[in-house]
Every structure is written in structure tokens, then in C-alpha cells.
Amino acid sequence: MRTVQVQVFNFSELNTTAKQVALENFRDINTHHDCWSEPIQEGFREKAIQAGFEIEDIFFSGFWSQGDGAMFTYSGFNDGMLKSFVEQLDLSDADKVIILSQADTCGKGIHRGHYYHEKSCDHYSTLDSTNPDWEYATDLISQLDEAFDEYVTKTYEDLCTELYRDLEEYYEELTSDEAIQEAIEENDYEFTQDGQTY
């Protein structure tokens, strides 16, 4: 039997080369768990709800390959969808009031394919009149059904693009040298002289 003495160092005591070895070994210290993206996802859920979506699940993949992206499924729309759609229409105020009071929205967004990005969702959306006996309102609303579908799709894709960008930026922040060093020091990790974890 023999006894071997090993010198151990905290991160700040390592030389520059050893520090870089330690940083690379711990590159995923802040992202190896599935919940690293929760702060971004929570903020996004609020944003999607404000935009009018009854959001179900969020999916993403990233951040290096073709086909990477972010998307979400939804079970319908809340009142915010119709309101924001009507606000951007080039119509008289009177017609906007009619639409808001007489129209009803219905929709669903379903994941399609093997990838997760803004184009990986099949949208089913309709804009219907709640009062078919009022001919003017029914005609006005029926003329806007296609425009509503296009608005839903564009709003959805813009949100997904923004979500992916926010996730990527947050990932880069968490895997930066500064964030890794902070995590190493908070956990009091020790290292051998060459930067390997003791």
C-alpha cells in the first residue's frame, strides 16, 4: 500500500490553461437538466396568452442544426385574439364594434412532423357569426375568415421565432465562461493542477 498526496485548488487558484480545461469540463453545468429553459418558457406563456392563444405545450430543439426551432400547441383562442385581429383591420369603428360583438373564434394548433419550429404546426381556425339572422354582420364576418386564419398563422410564427431567439440567447448566457465560473465557485468544486475535477 502507498499513500499519494494530491494538491487541490479552487478555481481562482488555477492558471489560465487549467481554468479553461475546468470551464470546458463544466460547459453544461447550467443546462444539463431539462428545466433550464423554464424562466423563458414561463415568460413566453404569458406572452402567448396575451396574444390570444390558449397554449398547451411548448417544444424546442437547438441550437445548431437545420430544423431546430421552437413551437407550441394550443387548444383555442381567448378574447385577446379577436380583439388584436380586429384592431389591425382597415375598417370603420362601427364595423369593428359589430365584429367584436357578433363574432366568435374557434381554433386549434397541432404539432406536425418530426421537427419543432414555427412551421411545424397545423392551424385550424375559424371566425363565425354568433347571429346568423343579422345578414350584414354575418356577411362582414364571413368575408374576414381567411384574413383571420392568416393573422393567426403570422402571429403564431412571429411568437415562435421570438421564443427560439430568447431560448438561444439564454442558453448562450448560461453556457458562457462567466456563468460557468459562477456556478463552479458557488458549488465549491476543487481541481487538480491541470484543471481536472478532484
C-alpha atoms as a PDB file:
ATOM      1  CA  MET A   1       0.000   0.000   0.000  1.00  0.00           C
ATOM      2  CA  ARG A   2       1.140   3.523  -0.683  1.00  0.00           C
ATOM      3  CA  THR A   3      -0.178   6.955   0.155  1.00  0.00           C
ATOM      4  CA  VAL A   4      -0.330   9.587  -2.561  1.00  0.00           C
ATOM      5  CA  GLN A   5      -0.683  13.249  -1.761  1.00  0.00           C
ATOM      6  CA  VAL A   6      -2.536  15.363  -4.324  1.00  0.00           C
ATOM      7  CA  GLN A   7      -2.606  19.125  -4.379  1.00  0.00           C
ATOM      8  CA  VAL A   8      -6.081  20.511  -4.952  1.00  0.00           C
ATOM      9  CA  PHE A   9      -7.032  24.019  -5.966  1.00  0.00           C
ATOM     10  CA  ASN A  10     -10.136  26.099  -6.101  1.00  0.00           C
ATOM     11  CA  PHE A  11     -10.941  27.701  -9.437  1.00  0.00           C
ATOM     12  CA  SER A  12      -9.338  31.060  -8.721  1.00  0.00           C
ATOM     13  CA  GLU A  13      -6.009  29.360  -7.898  1.00  0.00           C
ATOM     14  CA  LEU A  14      -5.711  27.625 -11.278  1.00  0.00           C
ATOM     15  CA  ASN A  15      -3.556  29.011 -14.052  1.00  0.00           C
ATOM     16  CA  THR A  16      -5.174  30.221 -17.264  1.00  0.00           C
ATOM     17  CA  THR A  17      -4.808  26.937 -19.149  1.00  0.00           C
ATOM     18  CA  ALA A  18      -6.176  24.871 -16.276  1.00  0.00           C
ATOM     19  CA  LYS A  19      -9.081  27.276 -15.847  1.00  0.00           C
ATOM     20  CA  GLN A  20     -10.035  26.750 -19.476  1.00  0.00           C
ATOM     21  CA  VAL A  21      -9.941  22.973 -19.001  1.00  0.00           C
ATOM     22  CA  ALA A  22     -12.217  23.296 -15.976  1.00  0.00           C
ATOM     23  CA  LEU A  23     -14.628  25.574 -17.836  1.00  0.00           C
ATOM     24  CA  GLU A  24     -14.901  23.175 -20.769  1.00  0.00           C
ATOM     25  CA  ASN A  25     -15.499  20.217 -18.458  1.00  0.00           C
ATOM     26  CA  PHE A  26     -18.359  22.082 -16.825  1.00  0.00           C
ATOM     27  CA  ARG A  27     -19.751  23.668 -20.003  1.00  0.00           C
ATOM     28  CA  ASP A  28     -23.207  22.168 -19.434  1.00  0.00           C
ATOM     29  CA  ILE A  29     -23.356  22.678 -15.673  1.00  0.00           C
ATOM     30  CA  ASN A  30     -26.276  25.104 -16.039  1.00  0.00           C
ATOM     31  CA  THR A  31     -28.077  23.329 -18.889  1.00  0.00           C
ATOM     32  CA  HIS A  32     -27.724  19.573 -18.304  1.00  0.00           C
ATOM     33  CA  HIS A  33     -31.174  19.451 -16.685  1.00  0.00           C
ATOM     34  CA  ASP A  34     -34.455  19.813 -18.576  1.00  0.00           C
ATOM     35  CA  CYS A  35     -35.685  22.738 -16.505  1.00  0.00           C
ATOM     36  CA  TRP A  36     -33.007  25.246 -17.539  1.00  0.00           C
ATOM     37  CA  SER A  37     -35.422  26.845 -20.027  1.00  0.00           C
ATOM     38  CA  GLU A  38     -38.294  27.303 -17.559  1.00  0.00           C
ATOM     39  CA  PRO A  39     -37.788  31.061 -16.988  1.00  0.00           C
ATOM     40  CA  ILE A  40     -38.048  31.694 -20.732  1.00  0.00           C
ATOM     41  CA  GLN A  41     -40.993  29.339 -21.168  1.00  0.00           C
ATOM     42  CA  GLU A  42     -42.915  30.920 -18.290  1.00  0.00           C
ATOM     43  CA  GLY A  43     -42.487  34.384 -19.739  1.00  0.00           C
ATOM     44  CA  PHE A  44     -43.449  33.108 -23.167  1.00  0.00           C
ATOM     45  CA  ARG A  45     -46.656  31.509 -21.899  1.00  0.00           C
ATOM     46  CA  GLU A  46     -47.800  34.882 -20.616  1.00  0.00           C
ATOM     47  CA  LYS A  47     -46.925  36.500 -23.932  1.00  0.00           C
ATOM     48  CA  ALA A  48     -48.793  33.851 -25.951  1.00  0.00           C
ATOM     49  CA  ILE A  49     -51.859  34.168 -23.740  1.00  0.00           C
ATOM     50  CA  GLN A  50     -51.818  37.942 -24.181  1.00  0.00           C
ATOM     51  CA  ALA A  51     -51.666  37.382 -27.940  1.00  0.00           C
ATOM     52  CA  GLY A  52     -54.818  35.271 -27.711  1.00  0.00           C
ATOM     53  CA  PHE A  53     -53.655  31.654 -27.649  1.00  0.00           C
ATOM     54  CA  GLU A  54     -54.836  29.041 -25.163  1.00  0.00           C
ATOM     55  CA  ILE A  55     -51.409  27.467 -25.037  1.00  0.00           C
ATOM     56  CA  GLU A  56     -50.907  23.784 -24.241  1.00  0.00           C
ATOM     57  CA  ASP A  57     -47.318  22.565 -24.663  1.00  0.00           C
ATOM     58  CA  ILE A  58     -44.033  24.146 -25.719  1.00  0.00           C
ATOM     59  CA  PHE A  59     -41.434  22.262 -27.760  1.00  0.00           C
ATOM     60  CA  PHE A  60     -37.998  23.258 -28.994  1.00  0.00           C
ATOM     61  CA  SER A  61     -34.716  21.860 -30.252  1.00  0.00           C
ATOM     62  CA  GLY A  62     -31.449  23.662 -30.666  1.00  0.00           C
ATOM     63  CA  PHE A  63     -29.255  25.274 -31.313  1.00  0.00           C
ATOM     64  CA  TRP A  64     -27.008  24.038 -34.049  1.00  0.00           C
ATOM     65  CA  SER A  65     -28.873  22.042 -36.700  1.00  0.00           C
ATOM     66  CA  GLN A  66     -31.164  22.661 -39.626  1.00  0.00           C
ATOM     67  CA  GLY A  67     -34.702  22.078 -38.451  1.00  0.00           C
ATOM     68  CA  ASP A  68     -34.044  23.466 -34.976  1.00  0.00           C
ATOM     69  CA  GLY A  69     -36.586  25.900 -33.653  1.00  0.00           C
ATOM     70  CA  ALA A  70     -39.425  26.378 -31.196  1.00  0.00           C
ATOM     71  CA  MET A  71     -43.177  25.893 -31.370  1.00  0.00           C
ATOM     72  CA  PHE A  72     -46.222  25.380 -29.199  1.00  0.00           C
ATOM     73  CA  THR A  73     -49.581  23.681 -29.431  1.00  0.00           C
ATOM     74  CA  TYR A  74     -52.808  25.416 -28.480  1.00  0.00           C
ATOM     75  CA  SER A  75     -56.379  24.364 -27.770  1.00  0.00           C
ATOM     76  CA  GLY A  76     -58.180  27.543 -28.806  1.00  0.00           C
ATOM     77  CA  PHE A  77     -58.244  31.325 -28.531  1.00  0.00           C
ATOM     78  CA  ASN A  78     -59.121  33.729 -25.773  1.00  0.00           C
ATOM     79  CA  ASP A  79     -60.740  37.130 -26.276  1.00  0.00           C
ATOM     80  CA  GLY A  80     -57.355  38.711 -26.935  1.00  0.00           C
ATOM     81  CA  MET A  81     -57.077  37.041 -30.338  1.00  0.00           C
ATOM     82  CA  LEU A  82     -60.256  38.540 -31.750  1.00  0.00           C
ATOM     83  CA  LYS A  83     -59.512  41.932 -30.222  1.00  0.00           C
ATOM     84  CA  SER A  84     -55.992  42.159 -31.640  1.00  0.00           C
ATOM     85  CA  PHE A  85     -57.183  40.889 -35.018  1.00  0.00           C
ATOM     86  CA  VAL A  86     -59.929  43.497 -35.249  1.00  0.00           C
ATOM     87  CA  GLU A  87     -57.643  46.325 -34.097  1.00  0.00           C
ATOM     88  CA  GLN A  88     -55.382  45.942 -37.122  1.00  0.00           C
ATOM     89  CA  LEU A  89     -58.216  45.806 -39.685  1.00  0.00           C
ATOM     90  CA  ASP A  90     -58.746  48.735 -42.030  1.00  0.00           C
ATOM     91  CA  LEU A  91     -62.443  49.095 -41.221  1.00  0.00           C
ATOM     92  CA  SER A  92     -64.713  51.716 -39.739  1.00  0.00           C
ATOM     93  CA  ASP A  93     -65.073  51.861 -35.991  1.00  0.00           C
ATOM     94  CA  ALA A  94     -68.720  50.858 -36.365  1.00  0.00           C
ATOM     95  CA  ASP A  95     -67.815  47.696 -38.280  1.00  0.00           C
ATOM     96  CA  LYS A  96     -65.158  46.845 -35.710  1.00  0.00           C
ATOM     97  CA  VAL A  97     -67.741  47.113 -32.944  1.00  0.00           C
ATOM     98  CA  ILE A  98     -70.047  44.790 -34.879  1.00  0.00           C
ATOM     99  CA  ILE A  99     -67.314  42.195 -35.325  1.00  0.00           C
ATOM    100  CA  LEU A 100     -66.276  42.307 -31.681  1.00  0.00           C
ATOM    101  CA  SER A 101     -69.859  41.889 -30.505  1.00  0.00           C
ATOM    102  CA  GLN A 102     -71.070  39.378 -33.103  1.00  0.00           C
ATOM    103  CA  ALA A 103     -68.072  37.203 -33.979  1.00  0.00           C
ATOM    104  CA  ASP A 104     -66.823  34.062 -32.324  1.00  0.00           C
ATOM    105  CA  THR A 105     -63.450  32.387 -32.802  1.00  0.00           C
ATOM    106  CA  CYS A 106     -62.525  28.741 -32.728  1.00  0.00           C
ATOM    107  CA  GLY A 107     -59.165  27.122 -33.304  1.00  0.00           C
ATOM    108  CA  LYS A 108     -56.545  24.538 -32.535  1.00  0.00           C
ATOM    109  CA  GLY A 109     -52.840  24.176 -33.253  1.00  0.00           C
ATOM    110  CA  ILE A 110     -51.413  20.654 -33.609  1.00  0.00           C
ATOM    111  CA  HIS A 111     -47.786  19.582 -33.948  1.00  0.00           C
ATOM    112  CA  ARG A 112     -46.918  18.103 -37.331  1.00  0.00           C
ATOM    113  CA  GLY A 113     -43.810  16.212 -38.408  1.00  0.00           C
ATOM    114  CA  HIS A 114     -40.560  15.394 -36.630  1.00  0.00           C
ATOM    115  CA  TYR A 115     -39.190  18.912 -36.131  1.00  0.00           C
ATOM    116  CA  TYR A 116     -40.008  21.707 -33.735  1.00  0.00           C
ATOM    117  CA  HIS A 117     -40.127  25.124 -35.381  1.00  0.00           C
ATOM    118  CA  GLU A 118     -42.656  27.777 -36.376  1.00  0.00           C
ATOM    119  CA  LYS A 119     -43.762  25.841 -39.474  1.00  0.00           C
ATOM    120  CA  SER A 120     -44.340  22.575 -37.593  1.00  0.00           C
ATOM    121  CA  CYS A 121     -47.906  23.360 -36.595  1.00  0.00           C
ATOM    122  CA  ASP A 122     -51.176  22.707 -38.396  1.00  0.00           C
ATOM    123  CA  HIS A 123     -53.611  25.512 -37.644  1.00  0.00           C
ATOM    124  CA  TYR A 124     -57.372  25.094 -37.636  1.00  0.00           C
ATOM    125  CA  SER A 125     -59.072  28.423 -37.097  1.00  0.00           C
ATOM    126  CA  THR A 126     -62.483  29.856 -37.908  1.00  0.00           C
ATOM    127  CA  LEU A 127     -64.265  33.143 -37.477  1.00  0.00           C
ATOM    128  CA  ASP A 128     -68.041  32.756 -37.285  1.00  0.00           C
ATOM    129  CA  SER A 129     -71.046  34.968 -36.694  1.00  0.00           C
ATOM    130  CA  THR A 130     -72.988  34.364 -33.494  1.00  0.00           C
ATOM    131  CA  ASN A 131     -76.095  35.932 -35.016  1.00  0.00           C
ATOM    132  CA  PRO A 132     -76.856  34.411 -38.455  1.00  0.00           C
ATOM    133  CA  ASP A 133     -80.136  36.361 -38.617  1.00  0.00           C
ATOM    134  CA  TRP A 134     -78.238  39.635 -38.885  1.00  0.00           C
ATOM    135  CA  GLU A 135     -77.275  39.481 -42.524  1.00  0.00           C
ATOM    136  CA  TYR A 136     -74.921  42.473 -42.572  1.00  0.00           C
ATOM    137  CA  ALA A 137     -72.888  41.219 -39.609  1.00  0.00           C
ATOM    138  CA  THR A 138     -72.797  37.660 -40.942  1.00  0.00           C
ATOM    139  CA  ASP A 139     -71.569  38.799 -44.366  1.00  0.00           C
ATOM    140  CA  LEU A 140     -68.981  41.120 -42.846  1.00  0.00           C
ATOM    141  CA  ILE A 141     -67.593  38.407 -40.596  1.00  0.00           C
ATOM    142  CA  SER A 142     -67.603  35.673 -43.255  1.00  0.00           C
ATOM    143  CA  GLN A 143     -65.513  37.900 -45.546  1.00  0.00           C
ATOM    144  CA  LEU A 144     -62.826  38.038 -42.870  1.00  0.00           C
ATOM    145  CA  ASP A 145     -62.467  34.306 -42.227  1.00  0.00           C
ATOM    146  CA  GLU A 146     -59.425  33.866 -44.494  1.00  0.00           C
ATOM    147  CA  ALA A 147     -57.803  37.038 -43.165  1.00  0.00           C
ATOM    148  CA  PHE A 148     -58.303  35.758 -39.621  1.00  0.00           C
ATOM    149  CA  ASP A 149     -56.626  32.462 -40.485  1.00  0.00           C
ATOM    150  CA  GLU A 150     -53.648  34.315 -41.975  1.00  0.00           C
ATOM    151  CA  TYR A 151     -53.445  36.569 -38.920  1.00  0.00           C
ATOM    152  CA  VAL A 152     -53.408  33.594 -36.566  1.00  0.00           C
ATOM    153  CA  THR A 153     -50.648  31.891 -38.554  1.00  0.00           C
ATOM    154  CA  LYS A 154     -48.465  35.007 -38.752  1.00  0.00           C
ATOM    155  CA  THR A 155     -48.938  35.831 -35.067  1.00  0.00           C
ATOM    156  CA  TYR A 156     -48.068  32.259 -34.175  1.00  0.00           C
ATOM    157  CA  GLU A 157     -44.936  32.163 -36.337  1.00  0.00           C
ATOM    158  CA  ASP A 158     -43.716  35.517 -35.016  1.00  0.00           C
ATOM    159  CA  LEU A 159     -44.135  34.273 -31.447  1.00  0.00           C
ATOM    160  CA  CYS A 160     -42.266  31.033 -32.191  1.00  0.00           C
ATOM    161  CA  THR A 161     -39.389  32.912 -33.815  1.00  0.00           C
ATOM    162  CA  GLU A 162     -39.160  35.204 -30.807  1.00  0.00           C
ATOM    163  CA  LEU A 163     -39.285  32.236 -28.416  1.00  0.00           C
ATOM    164  CA  TYR A 164     -36.451  30.453 -30.203  1.00  0.00           C
ATOM    165  CA  ARG A 165     -34.317  33.588 -30.208  1.00  0.00           C
ATOM    166  CA  ASP A 166     -34.909  34.110 -26.476  1.00  0.00           C
ATOM    167  CA  LEU A 167     -34.095  30.464 -25.712  1.00  0.00           C
ATOM    168  CA  GLU A 168     -30.894  30.609 -27.744  1.00  0.00           C
ATOM    169  CA  GLU A 169     -29.763  33.840 -26.084  1.00  0.00           C
ATOM    170  CA  TYR A 170     -30.492  32.422 -22.637  1.00  0.00           C
ATOM    171  CA  TYR A 171     -28.647  29.197 -23.470  1.00  0.00           C
ATOM    172  CA  GLU A 172     -25.604  31.163 -24.613  1.00  0.00           C
ATOM    173  CA  GLU A 173     -25.751  33.181 -21.403  1.00  0.00           C
ATOM    174  CA  LEU A 174     -25.907  30.043 -19.229  1.00  0.00           C
ATOM    175  CA  THR A 175     -23.012  28.397 -21.087  1.00  0.00           C
ATOM    176  CA  SER A 176     -20.796  31.480 -21.067  1.00  0.00           C
ATOM    177  CA  ASP A 177     -17.469  31.358 -19.212  1.00  0.00           C
ATOM    178  CA  GLU A 178     -18.763  33.859 -16.661  1.00  0.00           C
ATOM    179  CA  ALA A 179     -21.881  31.828 -15.816  1.00  0.00           C
ATOM    180  CA  ILE A 180     -19.920  28.572 -15.593  1.00  0.00           C
ATOM    181  CA  GLN A 181     -17.287  30.103 -13.336  1.00  0.00           C
ATOM    182  CA  GLU A 182     -20.004  31.444 -11.064  1.00  0.00           C
ATOM    183  CA  ALA A 183     -21.623  28.005 -10.803  1.00  0.00           C
ATOM    184  CA  ILE A 184     -18.255  26.346 -10.121  1.00  0.00           C
ATOM    185  CA  GLU A 185     -17.453  28.768  -7.346  1.00  0.00           C
ATOM    186  CA  GLU A 186     -20.929  28.551  -5.817  1.00  0.00           C
ATOM    187  CA  ASN A 187     -20.545  24.760  -5.603  1.00  0.00           C
ATOM    188  CA  ASP A 188     -17.006  24.945  -4.189  1.00  0.00           C
ATOM    189  CA  TYR A 189     -15.590  22.498  -6.728  1.00  0.00           C
ATOM    190  CA  GLU A 190     -11.922  21.642  -6.386  1.00  0.00           C
ATOM    191  CA  PHE A 191      -9.447  20.765  -9.102  1.00  0.00           C
ATOM    192  CA  THR A 192      -6.098  19.188  -9.704  1.00  0.00           C
ATOM    193  CA  GLN A 193      -3.334  21.389 -11.051  1.00  0.00           C
ATOM    194  CA  ASP A 194      -4.257  20.618 -14.676  1.00  0.00           C
ATOM    195  CA  GLY A 195      -7.894  21.678 -14.196  1.00  0.00           C
ATOM    196  CA  GLN A 196      -9.488  18.261 -13.808  1.00  0.00           C
ATOM    197  CA  THR A 197     -12.184  17.918 -11.173  1.00  0.00           C
ATOM    198  CA  TYR A 198     -10.892  16.458  -7.915  1.00  0.00           C
END
